[in-house]
């Protein structure tokens, strides 16, 4: 199954930003998990997961958010999820995932709190 997503990493001081664009579903879940593992291995103070470029957000994306929050907490990392579209925010609200993770509306806002 091919993925219609791209994931990139950017180190900004003590913060690692993981940017996702495209469709976040079962086809892209492993790609995102690999990048998140790589990002956490860099031992940043804060991990920012930027979902502003996501065009489709399936339950696999929700599972990744729950898992990465758990992993970040276990490693003592602060996790911030950047989301500004109903495509991402609505599934998070319906399932309560927005209560498990810190959600902000921009990467700048996430970096300002670091």
PDB file of N, CA and C in Angstrom:
ATOM      1  N   UNK A   1       0.845  -1.170   0.000  1.00  0.00           N
ATOM      2  CA  UNK A   1       0.000   0.000   0.000  1.00  0.00           C
ATOM      3  C   UNK A   1       0.895   1.239   0.000  1.00  0.00           C
ATOM      4  N   UNK A   2       0.708   2.104  -0.972  1.00  0.00           N
ATOM      5  CA  UNK A   2       1.545   3.294  -1.040  1.00  0.00           C
ATOM      6  C   UNK A   2       0.924   4.420  -0.223  1.00  0.00           C
ATOM      7  N   UNK A   3       1.801   5.285   0.242  1.00  0.00           N
ATOM      8  CA  UNK A   3       1.381   6.376   1.113  1.00  0.00           C
ATOM      9  C   UNK A   3       1.201   7.651   0.305  1.00  0.00           C
ATOM     10  N   UNK A   4       0.179   8.408   0.629  1.00  0.00           N
ATOM     11  CA  UNK A   4      -0.043   9.724   0.036  1.00  0.00           C
ATOM     12  C   UNK A   4       0.282  10.798   1.058  1.00  0.00           C
ATOM     13  N   UNK A   5       1.382  10.582   1.784  1.00  0.00           N
ATOM     14  CA  UNK A   5       1.802  11.525   2.816  1.00  0.00           C
ATOM     15  C   UNK A   5       3.302  11.737   2.724  1.00  0.00           C
ATOM     16  N   UNK A   6       3.723  12.860   3.256  1.00  0.00           N
ATOM     17  CA  UNK A   6       5.148  13.149   3.395  1.00  0.00           C
ATOM     18  C   UNK A   6       5.379  13.607   4.827  1.00  0.00           C
ATOM     19  N   UNK A   7       6.527  13.219   5.363  1.00  0.00           N
ATOM     20  CA  UNK A   7       6.877  13.590   6.733  1.00  0.00           C
ATOM     21  C   UNK A   7       8.285  14.154   6.713  1.00  0.00           C
ATOM     22  N   UNK A   8       8.488  15.282   7.379  1.00  0.00           N
ATOM     23  CA  UNK A   8       9.804  15.887   7.472  1.00  0.00           C
ATOM     24  C   UNK A   8      10.132  16.259   8.904  1.00  0.00           C
ATOM     25  N   UNK A   9      11.426  16.323   9.195  1.00  0.00           N
ATOM     26  CA  UNK A   9      11.909  16.688  10.531  1.00  0.00           C
ATOM     27  C   UNK A   9      12.707  17.977  10.448  1.00  0.00           C
ATOM     28  N   UNK A  10      12.569  18.810  11.465  1.00  0.00           N
ATOM     29  CA  UNK A  10      13.361  20.035  11.562  1.00  0.00           C
ATOM     30  C   UNK A  10      13.690  20.304  13.023  1.00  0.00           C
ATOM     31  N   UNK A  11      14.980  20.469  13.307  1.00  0.00           N
ATOM     32  CA  UNK A  11      15.427  20.810  14.655  1.00  0.00           C
ATOM     33  C   UNK A  11      15.428  22.330  14.778  1.00  0.00           C
ATOM     34  N   UNK A  12      14.734  22.847  15.788  1.00  0.00           N
ATOM     35  CA  UNK A  12      14.695  24.284  16.059  1.00  0.00           C
ATOM     36  C   UNK A  12      15.134  24.455  17.506  1.00  0.00           C
ATOM     37  N   UNK A  13      16.431  24.635  17.718  1.00  0.00           N
ATOM     38  CA  UNK A  13      16.961  24.706  19.077  1.00  0.00           C
ATOM     39  C   UNK A  13      16.667  23.418  19.811  1.00  0.00           C
ATOM     40  N   UNK A  14      16.039  23.509  20.991  1.00  0.00           N
ATOM     41  CA  UNK A  14      15.746  22.299  21.767  1.00  0.00           C
ATOM     42  C   UNK A  14      14.449  21.605  21.344  1.00  0.00           C
ATOM     43  N   UNK A  15      13.885  22.049  20.214  1.00  0.00           N
ATOM     44  CA  UNK A  15      12.594  21.532  19.754  1.00  0.00           C
ATOM     45  C   UNK A  15      12.784  20.758  18.456  1.00  0.00           C
ATOM     46  N   UNK A  16      12.134  19.602  18.361  1.00  0.00           N
ATOM     47  CA  UNK A  16      12.101  18.852  17.112  1.00  0.00           C
ATOM     48  C   UNK A  16      10.695  18.975  16.544  1.00  0.00           C
ATOM     49  N   UNK A  17      10.621  19.481  15.318  1.00  0.00           N
ATOM     50  CA  UNK A  17       9.337  19.648  14.642  1.00  0.00           C
ATOM     51  C   UNK A  17       9.188  18.532  13.612  1.00  0.00           C
ATOM     52  N   UNK A  18       8.087  17.800  13.702  1.00  0.00           N
ATOM     53  CA  UNK A  18       7.749  16.754  12.743  1.00  0.00           C
ATOM     54  C   UNK A  18       6.561  17.273  11.946  1.00  0.00           C
ATOM     55  N   UNK A  19       6.779  17.490  10.627  1.00  0.00           N
ATOM     56  CA  UNK A  19       5.722  18.040   9.774  1.00  0.00           C
ATOM     57  C   UNK A  19       5.133  16.942   8.899  1.00  0.00           C
ATOM     58  N   UNK A  20       3.813  16.867   8.900  1.00  0.00           N
ATOM     59  CA  UNK A  20       3.105  15.873   8.094  1.00  0.00           C
ATOM     60  C   UNK A  20       2.249  16.604   7.067  1.00  0.00           C
ATOM     61  N   UNK A  21       2.343  16.162   5.810  1.00  0.00           N
ATOM     62  CA  UNK A  21       1.476  16.688   4.763  1.00  0.00           C
ATOM     63  C   UNK A  21       0.816  15.519   4.044  1.00  0.00           C
ATOM     64  N   UNK A  22      -0.383  15.750   3.567  1.00  0.00           N
ATOM     65  CA  UNK A  22      -1.098  14.714   2.832  1.00  0.00           C
ATOM     66  C   UNK A  22      -2.041  13.933   3.722  1.00  0.00           C
ATOM     67  N   UNK A  23      -2.235  12.666   3.360  1.00  0.00           N
ATOM     68  CA  UNK A  23      -3.219  11.816   4.024  1.00  0.00           C
ATOM     69  C   UNK A  23      -2.591  11.006   5.152  1.00  0.00           C
ATOM     70  N   UNK A  24      -3.143  11.143   6.334  1.00  0.00           N
ATOM     71  CA  UNK A  24      -2.672  10.382   7.498  1.00  0.00           C
ATOM     72  C   UNK A  24      -3.672   9.254   7.742  1.00  0.00           C
ATOM     73  N   UNK A  25      -3.292   8.065   7.263  1.00  0.00           N
ATOM     74  CA  UNK A  25      -4.152   6.888   7.350  1.00  0.00           C
ATOM     75  C   UNK A  25      -3.283   5.649   7.537  1.00  0.00           C
ATOM     76  N   UNK A  26      -3.862   4.470   7.353  1.00  0.00           N
ATOM     77  CA  UNK A  26      -3.101   3.235   7.552  1.00  0.00           C
ATOM     78  C   UNK A  26      -1.888   3.156   6.634  1.00  0.00           C
ATOM     79  N   UNK A  27      -1.985   3.720   5.441  1.00  0.00           N
ATOM     80  CA  UNK A  27      -0.890   3.664   4.480  1.00  0.00           C
ATOM     81  C   UNK A  27       0.294   4.526   4.908  1.00  0.00           C
ATOM     82  N   UNK A  28       0.052   5.571   5.677  1.00  0.00           N
ATOM     83  CA  UNK A  28       1.132   6.474   6.087  1.00  0.00           C
ATOM     84  C   UNK A  28       1.507   6.335   7.557  1.00  0.00           C
ATOM     85  N   UNK A  29       0.787   5.514   8.290  1.00  0.00           N
ATOM     86  CA  UNK A  29       1.020   5.374   9.732  1.00  0.00           C
ATOM     87  C   UNK A  29       2.454   4.952  10.052  1.00  0.00           C
ATOM     88  N   UNK A  30       2.968   3.933   9.367  1.00  0.00           N
ATOM     89  CA  UNK A  30       4.331   3.465   9.650  1.00  0.00           C
ATOM     90  C   UNK A  30       5.373   4.524   9.329  1.00  0.00           C
ATOM     91  N   UNK A  31       5.165   5.256   8.234  1.00  0.00           N
ATOM     92  CA  UNK A  31       6.081   6.340   7.869  1.00  0.00           C
ATOM     93  C   UNK A  31       6.150   7.373   8.989  1.00  0.00           C
ATOM     94  N   UNK A  32       5.002   7.774   9.499  1.00  0.00           N
ATOM     95  CA  UNK A  32       4.968   8.760  10.581  1.00  0.00           C
ATOM     96  C   UNK A  32       5.600   8.203  11.845  1.00  0.00           C
ATOM     97  N   UNK A  33       5.301   6.966  12.182  1.00  0.00           N
ATOM     98  CA  UNK A  33       5.889   6.365  13.389  1.00  0.00           C
ATOM     99  C   UNK A  33       7.416   6.320  13.307  1.00  0.00           C
ATOM    100  N   UNK A  34       7.957   5.987  12.135  1.00  0.00           N
ATOM    101  CA  UNK A  34       9.426   5.960  11.967  1.00  0.00           C
ATOM    102  C   UNK A  34      10.027   7.343  12.211  1.00  0.00           C
ATOM    103  N   UNK A  35       9.406   8.366  11.657  1.00  0.00           N
ATOM    104  CA  UNK A  35       9.921   9.728  11.843  1.00  0.00           C
ATOM    105  C   UNK A  35       9.781  10.196  13.292  1.00  0.00           C
ATOM    106  N   UNK A  36       8.695   9.832  13.938  1.00  0.00           N
ATOM    107  CA  UNK A  36       8.528  10.202  15.346  1.00  0.00           C
ATOM    108  C   UNK A  36       9.562   9.505  16.221  1.00  0.00           C
ATOM    109  N   UNK A  37       9.863   8.256  15.923  1.00  0.00           N
ATOM    110  CA  UNK A  37      10.899   7.529  16.664  1.00  0.00           C
ATOM    111  C   UNK A  37      12.249   8.209  16.477  1.00  0.00           C
ATOM    112  N   UNK A  38      12.543   8.600  15.234  1.00  0.00           N
ATOM    113  CA  UNK A  38      13.793   9.304  14.945  1.00  0.00           C
ATOM    114  C   UNK A  38      13.844  10.645  15.681  1.00  0.00           C
ATOM    115  N   UNK A  39      12.738  11.355  15.683  1.00  0.00           N
ATOM    116  CA  UNK A  39      12.682  12.659  16.356  1.00  0.00           C
ATOM    117  C   UNK A  39      12.910  12.512  17.852  1.00  0.00           C
ATOM    118  N   UNK A  40      12.296  11.524  18.474  1.00  0.00           N
ATOM    119  CA  UNK A  40      12.455  11.329  19.919  1.00  0.00           C
ATOM    120  C   UNK A  40      13.852  10.840  20.265  1.00  0.00           C
ATOM    121  N   UNK A  41      14.488  10.126  19.349  1.00  0.00           N
ATOM    122  CA  UNK A  41      15.853   9.652  19.588  1.00  0.00           C
ATOM    123  C   UNK A  41      16.834  10.818  19.688  1.00  0.00           C
ATOM    124  N   UNK A  42      16.493  11.956  19.091  1.00  0.00           N
ATOM    125  CA  UNK A  42      17.341  13.152  19.172  1.00  0.00           C
ATOM    126  C   UNK A  42      17.264  13.809  20.543  1.00  0.00           C
ATOM    127  N   UNK A  43      16.369  13.314  21.404  1.00  0.00           N
ATOM    128  CA  UNK A  43      16.191  13.794  22.775  1.00  0.00           C
ATOM    129  C   UNK A  43      15.924  15.301  22.866  1.00  0.00           C
ATOM    130  N   UNK A  44      14.936  15.789  22.113  1.00  0.00           N
ATOM    131  CA  UNK A  44      14.594  17.209  22.242  1.00  0.00           C
ATOM    132  C   UNK A  44      13.867  17.455  23.558  1.00  0.00           C
ATOM    133  N   UNK A  45      13.818  18.712  23.967  1.00  0.00           N
ATOM    134  CA  UNK A  45      13.015  19.066  25.145  1.00  0.00           C
ATOM    135  C   UNK A  45      11.529  19.000  24.805  1.00  0.00           C
ATOM    136  N   UNK A  46      11.223  19.421  23.583  1.00  0.00           N
ATOM    137  CA  UNK A  46       9.838  19.473  23.126  1.00  0.00           C
ATOM    138  C   UNK A  46       9.736  18.834  21.751  1.00  0.00           C
ATOM    139  N   UNK A  47       8.662  18.100  21.543  1.00  0.00           N
ATOM    140  CA  UNK A  47       8.348  17.503  20.252  1.00  0.00           C
ATOM    141  C   UNK A  47       7.082  18.173  19.738  1.00  0.00           C
ATOM    142  N   UNK A  48       7.175  18.755  18.545  1.00  0.00           N
ATOM    143  CA  UNK A  48       6.035  19.417  17.922  1.00  0.00           C
ATOM    144  C   UNK A  48       5.618  18.588  16.713  1.00  0.00           C
ATOM    145  N   UNK A  49       4.373  18.162  16.695  1.00  0.00           N
ATOM    146  CA  UNK A  49       3.826  17.407  15.575  1.00  0.00           C
ATOM    147  C   UNK A  49       2.892  18.334  14.805  1.00  0.00           C
ATOM    148  N   UNK A  50       3.358  18.777  13.642  1.00  0.00           N
ATOM    149  CA  UNK A  50       2.626  19.752  12.829  1.00  0.00           C
ATOM    150  C   UNK A  50       1.719  19.016  11.841  1.00  0.00           C
ATOM    151  N   UNK A  51       0.422  19.093  12.082  1.00  0.00           N
ATOM    152  CA  UNK A  51      -0.568  18.434  11.230  1.00  0.00           C
ATOM    153  C   UNK A  51      -1.333  19.430  10.360  1.00  0.00           C
ATOM    154  N   UNK A  52      -0.820  20.653  10.219  1.00  0.00           N
ATOM    155  CA  UNK A  52      -1.546  21.666   9.451  1.00  0.00           C
ATOM    156  C   UNK A  52      -1.600  21.342   7.963  1.00  0.00           C
ATOM    157  N   UNK A  53      -0.722  20.481   7.486  1.00  0.00           N
ATOM    158  CA  UNK A  53      -0.728  20.101   6.073  1.00  0.00           C
ATOM    159  C   UNK A  53      -1.468  18.808   5.792  1.00  0.00           C
ATOM    160  N   UNK A  54      -2.148  18.270   6.797  1.00  0.00           N
ATOM    161  CA  UNK A  54      -2.872  17.006   6.633  1.00  0.00           C
ATOM    162  C   UNK A  54      -4.199  17.268   5.915  1.00  0.00           C
ATOM    163  N   UNK A  55      -4.451  16.469   4.861  1.00  0.00           N
ATOM    164  CA  UNK A  55      -5.668  16.627   4.062  1.00  0.00           C
ATOM    165  C   UNK A  55      -6.707  15.549   4.341  1.00  0.00           C
ATOM    166  N   UNK A  56      -6.317  14.490   5.022  1.00  0.00           N
ATOM    167  CA  UNK A  56      -7.230  13.412   5.422  1.00  0.00           C
ATOM    168  C   UNK A  56      -6.685  12.827   6.705  1.00  0.00           C
ATOM    169  N   UNK A  57      -7.565  12.614   7.696  1.00  0.00           N
ATOM    170  CA  UNK A  57      -7.119  12.176   9.017  1.00  0.00           C
ATOM    171  C   UNK A  57      -7.983  11.009   9.470  1.00  0.00           C
ATOM    172  N   UNK A  58      -7.457   9.805   9.352  1.00  0.00           N
ATOM    173  CA  UNK A  58      -8.194   8.586   9.699  1.00  0.00           C
ATOM    174  C   UNK A  58      -7.887   8.157  11.134  1.00  0.00           C
ATOM    175  N   UNK A  59      -8.542   7.091  11.561  1.00  0.00           N
ATOM    176  CA  UNK A  59      -8.350   6.593  12.929  1.00  0.00           C
ATOM    177  C   UNK A  59      -6.901   6.200  13.198  1.00  0.00           C
ATOM    178  N   UNK A  60      -6.169   5.814  12.165  1.00  0.00           N
ATOM    179  CA  UNK A  60      -4.749   5.493  12.348  1.00  0.00           C
ATOM    180  C   UNK A  60      -3.997   6.711  12.883  1.00  0.00           C
ATOM    181  N   UNK A  61      -4.374   7.897  12.448  1.00  0.00           N
ATOM    182  CA  UNK A  61      -3.757   9.116  12.953  1.00  0.00           C
ATOM    183  C   UNK A  61      -4.044   9.336  14.422  1.00  0.00           C
ATOM    184  N   UNK A  62      -5.253   9.022  14.844  1.00  0.00           N
ATOM    185  CA  UNK A  62      -5.610   9.128  16.257  1.00  0.00           C
ATOM    186  C   UNK A  62      -4.789   8.162  17.094  1.00  0.00           C
ATOM    187  N   UNK A  63      -4.609   6.955  16.592  1.00  0.00           N
ATOM    188  CA  UNK A  63      -3.796   5.961  17.314  1.00  0.00           C
ATOM    189  C   UNK A  63      -2.361   6.444  17.475  1.00  0.00           C
ATOM    190  N   UNK A  64      -1.819   7.036  16.409  1.00  0.00           N
ATOM    191  CA  UNK A  64      -0.453   7.561  16.484  1.00  0.00           C
ATOM    192  C   UNK A  64      -0.373   8.649  17.552  1.00  0.00           C
ATOM    193  N   UNK A  65      -1.347   9.545  17.602  1.00  0.00           N
ATOM    194  CA  UNK A  65      -1.329  10.623  18.600  1.00  0.00           C
ATOM    195  C   UNK A  65      -1.339  10.079  20.021  1.00  0.00           C
ATOM    196  N   UNK A  66      -2.183   9.108  20.283  1.00  0.00           N
ATOM    197  CA  UNK A  66      -2.243   8.516  21.622  1.00  0.00           C
ATOM    198  C   UNK A  66      -0.914   7.849  21.961  1.00  0.00           C
ATOM    199  N   UNK A  67      -0.368   7.100  21.012  1.00  0.00           N
ATOM    200  CA  UNK A  67       0.898   6.401  21.251  1.00  0.00           C
ATOM    201  C   UNK A  67       2.061   7.364  21.453  1.00  0.00           C
ATOM    202  N   UNK A  68       2.138   8.415  20.630  1.00  0.00           N
ATOM    203  CA  UNK A  68       3.261   9.349  20.753  1.00  0.00           C
ATOM    204  C   UNK A  68       3.153  10.146  22.051  1.00  0.00           C
ATOM    205  N   UNK A  69       1.937  10.450  22.493  1.00  0.00           N
ATOM    206  CA  UNK A  69       1.786  11.128  23.788  1.00  0.00           C
ATOM    207  C   UNK A  69       2.305  10.230  24.907  1.00  0.00           C
ATOM    208  N   UNK A  70       1.947   8.966  24.854  1.00  0.00           N
ATOM    209  CA  UNK A  70       2.417   8.006  25.858  1.00  0.00           C
ATOM    210  C   UNK A  70       3.942   7.916  25.843  1.00  0.00           C
ATOM    211  N   UNK A  71       4.526   7.773  24.654  1.00  0.00           N
ATOM    212  CA  UNK A  71       5.985   7.668  24.528  1.00  0.00           C
ATOM    213  C   UNK A  71       6.683   8.946  24.989  1.00  0.00           C
ATOM    214  N   UNK A  72       6.134  10.099  24.617  1.00  0.00           N
ATOM    215  CA  UNK A  72       6.738  11.374  25.017  1.00  0.00           C
ATOM    216  C   UNK A  72       6.712  11.529  26.531  1.00  0.00           C
ATOM    217  N   UNK A  73       5.606  11.184  27.149  1.00  0.00           N
ATOM    218  CA  UNK A  73       5.497  11.262  28.606  1.00  0.00           C
ATOM    219  C   UNK A  73       6.517  10.345  29.266  1.00  0.00           C
ATOM    220  N   UNK A  74       6.657   9.141  28.746  1.00  0.00           N
ATOM    221  CA  UNK A  74       7.611   8.177  29.309  1.00  0.00           C
ATOM    222  C   UNK A  74       9.047   8.676  29.197  1.00  0.00           C
ATOM    223  N   UNK A  75       9.340   9.466  28.151  1.00  0.00           N
ATOM    224  CA  UNK A  75      10.692   9.986  27.942  1.00  0.00           C
ATOM    225  C   UNK A  75      10.887  11.375  28.548  1.00  0.00           C
ATOM    226  N   UNK A  76       9.846  11.920  29.164  1.00  0.00           N
ATOM    227  CA  UNK A  76       9.947  13.245  29.760  1.00  0.00           C
ATOM    228  C   UNK A  76       9.929  14.371  28.747  1.00  0.00           C
ATOM    229  N   UNK A  77       9.377  14.124  27.571  1.00  0.00           N
ATOM    230  CA  UNK A  77       9.299  15.141  26.525  1.00  0.00           C
ATOM    231  C   UNK A  77       7.949  15.837  26.569  1.00  0.00           C
ATOM    232  N   UNK A  78       7.960  17.101  26.224  1.00  0.00           N
ATOM    233  CA  UNK A  78       6.729  17.869  26.092  1.00  0.00           C
ATOM    234  C   UNK A  78       6.263  17.711  24.648  1.00  0.00           C
ATOM    235  N   UNK A  79       5.018  17.308  24.430  1.00  0.00           N
ATOM    236  CA  UNK A  79       4.461  17.143  23.086  1.00  0.00           C
ATOM    237  C   UNK A  79       3.424  18.217  22.834  1.00  0.00           C
ATOM    238  N   UNK A  80       3.532  18.850  21.665  1.00  0.00           N
ATOM    239  CA  UNK A  80       2.518  19.799  21.212  1.00  0.00           C
ATOM    240  C   UNK A  80       2.076  19.388  19.818  1.00  0.00           C
ATOM    241  N   UNK A  81       0.789  19.325  19.610  1.00  0.00           N
ATOM    242  CA  UNK A  81       0.223  18.982  18.311  1.00  0.00           C
ATOM    243  C   UNK A  81      -0.329  20.256  17.688  1.00  0.00           C
ATOM    244  N   UNK A  82       0.112  20.549  16.470  1.00  0.00           N
ATOM    245  CA  UNK A  82      -0.347  21.737  15.762  1.00  0.00           C
ATOM    246  C   UNK A  82      -1.427  21.310  14.769  1.00  0.00           C
ATOM    247  N   UNK A  83      -2.614  21.844  14.964  1.00  0.00           N
ATOM    248  CA  UNK A  83      -3.734  21.537  14.072  1.00  0.00           C
ATOM    249  C   UNK A  83      -4.626  22.758  13.964  1.00  0.00           C
ATOM    250  N   UNK A  84      -5.045  23.054  12.744  1.00  0.00           N
ATOM    251  CA  UNK A  84      -5.889  24.235  12.547  1.00  0.00           C
ATOM    252  C   UNK A  84      -7.074  23.970  11.624  1.00  0.00           C
ATOM    253  N   UNK A  85      -7.283  22.712  11.254  1.00  0.00           N
ATOM    254  CA  UNK A  85      -8.382  22.409  10.335  1.00  0.00           C
ATOM    255  C   UNK A  85      -9.373  21.442  10.967  1.00  0.00           C
ATOM    256  N   UNK A  86     -10.596  21.556  10.530  1.00  0.00           N
ATOM    257  CA  UNK A  86     -11.656  20.668  11.010  1.00  0.00           C
ATOM    258  C   UNK A  86     -11.345  19.212  10.660  1.00  0.00           C
ATOM    259  N   UNK A  87     -10.641  18.992   9.562  1.00  0.00           N
ATOM    260  CA  UNK A  87     -10.275  17.636   9.138  1.00  0.00           C
ATOM    261  C   UNK A  87      -9.544  16.907  10.256  1.00  0.00           C
ATOM    262  N   UNK A  88      -8.693  17.608  10.972  1.00  0.00           N
ATOM    263  CA  UNK A  88      -7.910  17.007  12.058  1.00  0.00           C
ATOM    264  C   UNK A  88      -8.586  17.228  13.410  1.00  0.00           C
ATOM    265  N   UNK A  89      -9.058  18.422  13.651  1.00  0.00           N
ATOM    266  CA  UNK A  89      -9.598  18.761  14.970  1.00  0.00           C
ATOM    267  C   UNK A  89     -10.875  18.004  15.316  1.00  0.00           C
ATOM    268  N   UNK A  90     -11.774  17.836  14.370  1.00  0.00           N
ATOM    269  CA  UNK A  90     -13.056  17.198  14.678  1.00  0.00           C
ATOM    270  C   UNK A  90     -12.892  15.758  15.156  1.00  0.00           C
ATOM    271  N   UNK A  91     -12.120  14.898  14.468  1.00  0.00           N
ATOM    272  CA  UNK A  91     -11.931  13.534  14.989  1.00  0.00           C
ATOM    273  C   UNK A  91     -11.273  13.521  16.370  1.00  0.00           C
ATOM    274  N   UNK A  92     -10.366  14.475  16.607  1.00  0.00           N
ATOM    275  CA  UNK A  92      -9.727  14.555  17.918  1.00  0.00           C
ATOM    276  C   UNK A  92     -10.747  14.918  18.993  1.00  0.00           C
ATOM    277  N   UNK A  93     -11.642  15.839  18.682  1.00  0.00           N
ATOM    278  CA  UNK A  93     -12.670  16.258  19.641  1.00  0.00           C
ATOM    279  C   UNK A  93     -13.662  15.135  19.921  1.00  0.00           C
ATOM    280  N   UNK A  94     -14.134  14.468  18.873  1.00  0.00           N
ATOM    281  CA  UNK A  94     -15.140  13.408  19.019  1.00  0.00           C
ATOM    282  C   UNK A  94     -14.620  12.266  19.888  1.00  0.00           C
ATOM    283  N   UNK A  95     -13.346  11.933  19.716  1.00  0.00           N
ATOM    284  CA  UNK A  95     -12.760  10.796  20.444  1.00  0.00           C
ATOM    285  C   UNK A  95     -12.141  11.182  21.778  1.00  0.00           C
ATOM    286  N   UNK A  96     -12.024  12.482  22.052  1.00  0.00           N
ATOM    287  CA  UNK A  96     -11.414  12.924  23.299  1.00  0.00           C
ATOM    288  C   UNK A  96      -9.903  12.990  23.262  1.00  0.00           C
ATOM    289  N   UNK A  97      -9.314  12.719  22.115  1.00  0.00           N
ATOM    290  CA  UNK A  97      -7.850  12.786  22.005  1.00  0.00           C
ATOM    291  C   UNK A  97      -7.360  14.207  22.264  1.00  0.00           C
ATOM    292  N   UNK A  98      -8.187  15.197  21.953  1.00  0.00           N
ATOM    293  CA  UNK A  98      -7.790  16.583  22.217  1.00  0.00           C
ATOM    294  C   UNK A  98      -7.622  16.866  23.705  1.00  0.00           C
ATOM    295  N   UNK A  99      -8.134  15.992  24.561  1.00  0.00           N
ATOM    296  CA  UNK A  99      -7.956  16.129  26.006  1.00  0.00           C
ATOM    297  C   UNK A  99      -6.676  15.448  26.486  1.00  0.00           C
ATOM    298  N   UNK A 100      -6.102  14.591  25.640  1.00  0.00           N
ATOM    299  CA  UNK A 100      -4.872  13.863  25.998  1.00  0.00           C
ATOM    300  C   UNK A 100      -3.610  14.595  25.572  1.00  0.00           C
ATOM    301  N   UNK A 101      -3.719  15.385  24.508  1.00  0.00           N
ATOM    302  CA  UNK A 101      -2.551  16.067  23.961  1.00  0.00           C
ATOM    303  C   UNK A 101      -2.774  17.570  24.022  1.00  0.00           C
ATOM    304  N   UNK A 102      -1.684  18.320  24.012  1.00  0.00           N
ATOM    305  CA  UNK A 102      -1.765  19.774  23.952  1.00  0.00           C
ATOM    306  C   UNK A 102      -1.886  20.176  22.493  1.00  0.00           C
ATOM    307  N   UNK A 103      -2.978  20.837  22.142  1.00  0.00           N
ATOM    308  CA  UNK A 103      -3.225  21.250  20.766  1.00  0.00           C
ATOM    309  C   UNK A 103      -3.072  22.763  20.671  1.00  0.00           C
ATOM    310  N   UNK A 104      -2.290  23.200  19.687  1.00  0.00           N
ATOM    311  CA  UNK A 104      -2.116  24.622  19.403  1.00  0.00           C
ATOM    312  C   UNK A 104      -2.402  24.836  17.920  1.00  0.00           C
ATOM    313  N   UNK A 105      -2.592  26.092  17.527  1.00  0.00           N
ATOM    314  CA  UNK A 105      -3.021  26.360  16.156  1.00  0.00           C
ATOM    315  C   UNK A 105      -1.902  26.697  15.181  1.00  0.00           C
ATOM    316  N   UNK A 106      -0.667  26.882  15.677  1.00  0.00           N
ATOM    317  CA  UNK A 106       0.437  27.189  14.760  1.00  0.00           C
ATOM    318  C   UNK A 106       1.760  26.691  15.339  1.00  0.00           C
ATOM    319  N   UNK A 107       2.704  26.470  14.446  1.00  0.00           N
ATOM    320  CA  UNK A 107       4.041  26.063  14.889  1.00  0.00           C
ATOM    321  C   UNK A 107       4.666  27.182  15.707  1.00  0.00           C
ATOM    322  N   UNK A 108       4.451  28.428  15.288  1.00  0.00           N
ATOM    323  CA  UNK A 108       4.989  29.561  16.059  1.00  0.00           C
ATOM    324  C   UNK A 108       4.470  29.543  17.493  1.00  0.00           C
ATOM    325  N   UNK A 109       3.196  29.246  17.660  1.00  0.00           N
ATOM    326  CA  UNK A 109       2.616  29.162  19.003  1.00  0.00           C
ATOM    327  C   UNK A 109       3.259  28.019  19.786  1.00  0.00           C
ATOM    328  N   UNK A 110       3.476  26.888  19.134  1.00  0.00           N
ATOM    329  CA  UNK A 110       4.116  25.748  19.801  1.00  0.00           C
ATOM    330  C   UNK A 110       5.538  26.092  20.222  1.00  0.00           C
ATOM    331  N   UNK A 111       6.263  26.789  19.357  1.00  0.00           N
ATOM    332  CA  UNK A 111       7.648  27.160  19.667  1.00  0.00           C
ATOM    333  C   UNK A 111       7.704  28.213  20.765  1.00  0.00           C
ATOM    334  N   UNK A 112       6.728  29.101  20.811  1.00  0.00           N
ATOM    335  CA  UNK A 112       6.701  30.158  21.828  1.00  0.00           C
ATOM    336  C   UNK A 112       6.535  29.591  23.227  1.00  0.00           C
ATOM    337  N   UNK A 113       5.910  28.437  23.345  1.00  0.00           N
ATOM    338  CA  UNK A 113       5.685  27.817  24.650  1.00  0.00           C
ATOM    339  C   UNK A 113       6.826  26.896  25.057  1.00  0.00           C
ATOM    340  N   UNK A 114       7.860  26.829  24.230  1.00  0.00           N
ATOM    341  CA  UNK A 114       8.983  25.920  24.537  1.00  0.00           C
ATOM    342  C   UNK A 114       9.993  26.551  25.452  1.00  0.00           C
TER     343      UNK A 114
END
